Amino acid sequence: MTEAQNPLTPITVRLDRFTIDLPTPARALAIGAHPDDIDFGCGATLAKWAAEGCEVSLLVCTDGSKGTWDPGADDTDLIAARQDEQRAAAAALGASGEVGFLGWTDGELQSGLEQRAQVALWIRRTRPVVVLGHDPWKRHRLHPDHRHAGWLTTDGVVAARDPKFFADQPVPHHRPDRLLLFEADEPDHAENVTGFGESKYRALLAHRSQFESTMDAGNDPTLTRFRERVEGRLAAAGRAAGVDHAEVFKLIDDL
């Protein structure tokens, strides 16, 4: 199974390097390569913050048009389904902000200036205190969309914060306070998400088109094994962080 098909691989963390729990931000923006990436990477954290009053927005960089093992699937139908699924997942997390789609072709995302400008505009518009996204420095990352979405997140933060970058945009520049990168090889921050694993699971269940591929649940109609993997990963991170359940990140707070 490839990395793109197995987002619940085991994680290794070092408790002695960890910070635990940021203050609940007033606004957060999570950026993912495909529909479902955000829910896998930080769904429980977003659910916790949303329950505490945070305005959570989600931005998906690609159209998800290759998210199937059926070569005969209609692209237009799949794109529409995956967008609907992401909106339903955001609702399951309690997200009250925007859910946006840049619409770049799945598998062909680039971290160029045009894409960076789009991400910077979203950061400037939604004005998040915390931005979350893929860690572009993850070693041996196979999927190019995850790499490029990570670079767009980090580069978009830099562009959004400085007024001379994309100065023609119709909104003022904005500097987030913190950046949380999921899928990191060496995470150093944990969010205690005890009690919010079910919200993450419900959000992932919204992505029905991915049951066979990403979730490896095509032969498991009750999704028992998938639920166990989701819960097991949260519990493993929690044990390392000294709590019941956690999601872990690389924290960058010098923005």
Protein backbone atom coordinates (compact mmCIF):
# COMPACT_ATOMS: atom_id res chain seq x y z
CA MET A 1 0.00 0.00 0.00
CA THR A 2 1.41 3.39 -0.95
CA GLU A 3 1.75 6.35 1.37
CA ALA A 4 -1.22 8.03 -0.29
CA GLN A 5 -3.33 4.96 0.45
CA ASN A 6 -2.19 4.55 4.05
CA PRO A 7 -2.35 7.81 6.00
CA LEU A 8 -2.55 5.91 9.29
CA THR A 9 1.00 4.53 9.37
CA PRO A 10 2.64 4.28 12.84
CA ILE A 11 4.21 7.41 14.30
CA THR A 12 7.24 7.85 16.54
CA VAL A 13 7.47 10.80 18.90
CA ARG A 14 9.71 11.93 21.78
CA LEU A 15 7.87 13.10 24.84
CA ASP A 16 10.85 15.10 26.13
CA ARG A 17 10.59 17.49 23.17
CA PHE A 18 6.86 18.07 23.24
CA THR A 19 4.71 21.09 23.86
CA ILE A 20 1.07 20.35 24.62
CA ASP A 21 -1.97 22.34 23.47
CA LEU A 22 -1.98 25.77 21.92
CA PRO A 23 -4.47 28.30 23.20
CA THR A 24 -7.68 27.84 21.24
CA PRO A 25 -7.33 30.17 18.25
CA ALA A 26 -10.10 32.50 17.20
CA ARG A 27 -9.65 31.33 13.60
CA ALA A 28 -7.82 28.41 12.00
CA LEU A 29 -7.18 27.49 8.37
CA ALA A 30 -6.26 23.91 7.43
CA ILE A 31 -4.77 23.30 3.97
CA GLY A 32 -4.71 19.86 2.36
CA ALA A 33 -3.75 18.36 -0.97
CA HIS A 34 -6.92 16.30 -1.45
CA PRO A 35 -10.36 15.91 0.08
CA ASP A 36 -9.86 13.82 3.28
CA ASP A 37 -6.19 14.81 3.89
CA ILE A 38 -7.15 17.46 6.41
CA ASP A 39 -9.44 15.07 8.28
CA PHE A 40 -6.70 12.46 8.49
CA GLY A 41 -4.03 14.97 9.46
CA CYS A 42 -5.75 17.20 11.99
CA GLY A 43 -9.49 16.42 12.11
CA ALA A 44 -9.70 15.86 15.85
CA THR A 45 -7.76 19.04 16.58
CA LEU A 46 -10.09 21.05 14.36
CA ALA A 47 -13.12 19.45 16.03
CA LYS A 48 -11.79 20.36 19.47
CA TRP A 49 -11.11 23.94 18.51
CA ALA A 50 -14.47 24.28 16.75
CA ALA A 51 -16.23 23.07 19.90
CA GLU A 52 -14.34 25.75 21.84
CA GLY A 53 -15.51 28.53 19.52
CA CYS A 54 -12.80 28.63 16.86
CA GLU A 55 -13.86 29.55 13.32
CA VAL A 56 -12.40 26.67 11.32
CA SER A 57 -11.90 26.95 7.54
CA LEU A 58 -10.60 24.29 5.15
CA LEU A 59 -8.81 24.70 1.81
CA VAL A 60 -8.27 21.75 -0.56
CA CYS A 61 -5.71 22.29 -3.30
CA THR A 62 -6.71 19.65 -5.89
CA ASP A 63 -9.95 18.44 -7.41
CA GLY A 64 -9.63 14.85 -6.17
CA SER A 65 -10.29 13.54 -9.67
CA LYS A 66 -7.90 10.60 -9.38
CA GLY A 67 -9.21 9.40 -6.02
CA THR A 68 -10.57 6.07 -7.25
CA TRP A 69 -9.37 2.66 -8.37
CA ASP A 70 -12.06 2.55 -11.05
CA PRO A 71 -10.44 3.60 -14.36
CA GLY A 72 -13.86 4.13 -15.90
CA ALA A 73 -15.14 6.54 -13.25
CA ASP A 74 -16.46 9.84 -14.60
CA ASP A 75 -14.14 12.68 -13.54
CA THR A 76 -16.89 15.28 -13.28
CA ASP A 77 -19.02 13.08 -11.03
CA LEU A 78 -16.05 12.15 -8.86
CA ILE A 79 -14.95 15.76 -8.42
CA ALA A 80 -18.48 16.77 -7.38
CA ALA A 81 -18.76 13.83 -5.00
CA ARG A 82 -15.44 14.54 -3.34
CA GLN A 83 -16.31 18.19 -2.80
CA ASP A 84 -19.65 17.22 -1.28
CA GLU A 85 -17.85 14.71 0.93
CA GLN A 86 -15.39 17.33 2.15
CA ARG A 87 -18.19 19.74 3.00
CA ALA A 88 -19.96 16.98 4.93
CA ALA A 89 -16.73 16.14 6.73
CA ALA A 90 -16.24 19.77 7.70
CA ALA A 91 -19.77 19.80 9.12
CA ALA A 92 -18.98 16.67 11.12
CA LEU A 93 -16.01 18.50 12.62
CA GLY A 94 -18.20 21.46 13.50
CA ALA A 95 -16.30 23.80 11.20
CA SER A 96 -18.10 27.14 10.92
CA GLY A 97 -15.79 28.83 8.40
CA GLU A 98 -15.36 28.37 4.69
CA VAL A 99 -14.61 25.18 2.76
CA GLY A 100 -12.70 26.03 -0.41
CA PHE A 101 -11.27 24.17 -3.38
CA LEU A 102 -8.48 25.53 -5.57
CA GLY A 103 -9.38 22.90 -8.18
CA TRP A 104 -5.93 21.97 -9.49
CA THR A 105 -5.89 18.60 -11.24
CA ASP A 106 -5.30 15.72 -8.85
CA GLY A 107 -1.77 14.38 -9.22
CA GLU A 108 -0.57 17.48 -11.07
CA LEU A 109 -0.37 20.08 -8.27
CA GLN A 110 2.59 22.44 -8.49
CA SER A 111 3.95 24.85 -5.89
CA GLY A 112 4.34 27.72 -8.32
CA LEU A 113 3.67 31.43 -7.97
CA GLU A 114 0.08 31.21 -9.20
CA GLN A 115 -0.80 28.57 -6.64
CA ARG A 116 1.12 30.41 -3.92
CA ALA A 117 -0.84 33.57 -4.63
CA GLN A 118 -4.10 31.64 -4.26
CA VAL A 119 -3.07 30.24 -0.87
CA ALA A 120 -1.80 33.63 0.31
CA LEU A 121 -5.14 35.17 -0.65
CA TRP A 122 -7.00 32.55 1.39
CA ILE A 123 -4.79 33.25 4.39
CA ARG A 124 -5.34 36.98 4.01
CA ARG A 125 -9.09 36.55 3.62
CA THR A 126 -9.68 34.12 6.49
CA ARG A 127 -7.02 35.68 8.77
CA PRO A 128 -6.20 32.54 10.75
CA VAL A 129 -4.32 32.65 14.02
CA VAL A 130 -3.10 29.11 13.26
CA VAL A 131 -2.48 27.54 9.86
CA LEU A 132 -2.25 23.74 9.53
CA GLY A 133 -0.93 21.73 6.60
CA HIS A 134 1.27 18.92 5.27
CA ASP A 135 4.91 18.90 6.37
CA PRO A 136 6.84 19.36 3.08
CA TRP A 137 10.08 18.24 4.70
CA LYS A 138 8.82 14.72 5.41
CA ARG A 139 11.48 12.26 4.28
CA HIS A 140 10.75 9.86 1.42
CA ARG A 141 7.33 11.36 0.78
CA LEU A 142 5.96 9.62 -2.31
CA HIS A 143 2.88 11.60 -3.35
CA PRO A 144 3.82 14.79 -5.21
CA ASP A 145 0.58 16.57 -4.29
CA HIS A 146 1.38 16.22 -0.60
CA ARG A 147 4.86 17.66 -1.14
CA HIS A 148 3.57 20.60 -3.15
CA ALA A 149 0.64 21.29 -0.81
CA GLY A 150 3.14 21.45 2.04
CA TRP A 151 5.30 23.96 0.20
CA LEU A 152 2.24 25.99 -0.70
CA THR A 153 1.29 26.12 2.97
CA THR A 154 4.69 27.30 4.18
CA ASP A 155 5.33 29.60 1.22
CA GLY A 156 1.77 30.92 1.37
CA VAL A 157 2.26 31.93 5.00
CA VAL A 158 5.38 33.90 4.07
CA ALA A 159 3.63 35.58 1.13
CA ALA A 160 0.50 36.40 3.13
CA ARG A 161 2.40 38.09 5.94
CA ASP A 162 4.40 40.60 3.86
CA PRO A 163 2.60 43.48 2.13
CA LYS A 164 4.89 43.57 -0.91
CA PHE A 165 4.01 39.99 -1.87
CA PHE A 166 1.07 39.93 -4.29
CA ALA A 167 0.39 43.57 -3.47
CA ASP A 168 -2.48 43.71 -5.97
CA GLN A 169 -4.65 41.42 -3.86
CA PRO A 170 -7.78 43.19 -2.57
CA VAL A 171 -7.23 42.31 1.12
CA PRO A 172 -4.50 43.42 3.54
CA HIS A 173 -1.56 41.24 4.47
CA HIS A 174 -1.89 38.92 7.47
CA ARG A 175 0.66 37.17 9.68
CA PRO A 176 -0.60 34.03 11.48
CA ASP A 177 0.82 33.35 14.93
CA ARG A 178 1.63 29.68 14.46
CA LEU A 179 1.98 26.96 11.83
CA LEU A 180 1.25 23.30 12.61
CA LEU A 181 2.52 20.71 10.13
CA PHE A 182 0.98 17.25 10.19
CA GLU A 183 2.61 14.02 8.90
CA ALA A 184 5.92 15.25 10.34
CA ASP A 185 8.83 12.85 10.82
CA GLU A 186 9.86 14.59 14.04
CA PRO A 187 6.79 16.14 15.64
CA ASP A 188 7.36 18.37 18.64
CA HIS A 189 3.83 19.46 19.54
CA ALA A 190 0.73 17.53 20.56
CA GLU A 191 -2.89 18.56 20.79
CA ASN A 192 -4.83 16.67 23.42
CA VAL A 193 -7.88 15.51 21.46
CA THR A 194 -9.33 13.19 24.08
CA GLY A 195 -13.05 13.04 23.46
CA PHE A 196 -12.81 14.18 19.84
CA GLY A 197 -11.77 10.95 18.14
CA GLU A 198 -15.38 10.22 17.25
CA SER A 199 -15.69 13.55 15.45
CA LYS A 200 -12.58 12.73 13.42
CA TYR A 201 -13.97 9.30 12.61
CA ARG A 202 -17.34 10.73 11.53
CA ALA A 203 -15.58 13.23 9.30
CA LEU A 204 -13.59 10.45 7.65
CA LEU A 205 -16.76 8.42 7.15
CA ALA A 206 -18.10 11.28 5.04
CA HIS A 207 -15.50 10.40 2.37
CA ARG A 208 -17.43 7.40 1.09
CA SER A 209 -15.72 7.41 -2.30
CA GLN A 210 -12.45 6.58 -0.50
CA PHE A 211 -13.61 3.52 1.46
CA GLU A 212 -12.01 1.08 -0.98
CA SER A 213 -8.81 2.95 -1.75
CA THR A 214 -7.48 5.33 0.91
CA MET A 215 -9.24 3.65 3.82
CA ASP A 216 -8.64 0.07 2.68
CA ALA A 217 -12.14 -0.76 3.86
CA GLY A 218 -13.69 -2.20 0.73
CA ASN A 219 -13.89 -5.69 2.24
CA ASP A 220 -14.85 -4.48 5.70
CA PRO A 221 -18.45 -3.22 5.44
CA THR A 222 -18.60 -2.41 9.15
CA LEU A 223 -15.35 -0.40 8.91
CA THR A 224 -14.23 -2.06 12.12
CA ARG A 225 -10.58 -2.27 11.17
CA PHE A 226 -10.56 1.29 9.90
CA ARG A 227 -12.04 2.61 13.15
CA GLU A 228 -9.44 0.63 15.08
CA ARG A 229 -6.65 2.18 13.01
CA VAL A 230 -7.97 5.69 13.57
CA GLU A 231 -8.40 5.16 17.29
CA GLY A 232 -5.10 3.31 17.59
CA ARG A 233 -3.14 6.14 16.03
CA LEU A 234 -4.72 8.73 18.31
CA ALA A 235 -4.03 6.52 21.32
CA ALA A 236 -0.39 5.92 20.33
CA ALA A 237 0.22 9.64 19.97
CA GLY A 238 -1.58 10.19 23.25
CA ARG A 239 0.63 7.75 25.11
CA ALA A 240 3.73 9.55 23.85
CA ALA A 241 2.30 12.91 24.87
CA GLY A 242 1.00 11.77 28.26
CA VAL A 243 -2.71 12.06 27.44
CA ASP A 244 -5.37 9.60 26.33
CA HIS A 245 -5.55 10.70 22.68
CA ALA A 246 -3.52 13.18 20.67
CA GLU A 247 -2.66 14.47 17.22
CA VAL A 248 0.95 15.49 16.72
CA PHE A 249 2.60 18.17 14.62
CA LYS A 250 5.77 20.07 13.88
CA LEU A 251 5.17 23.49 15.41
CA ILE A 252 6.65 26.61 13.84
CA ASP A 253 5.91 29.70 15.90
CA ASP A 254 8.46 32.17 14.53
CA LEU A 255 6.44 33.52 11.63
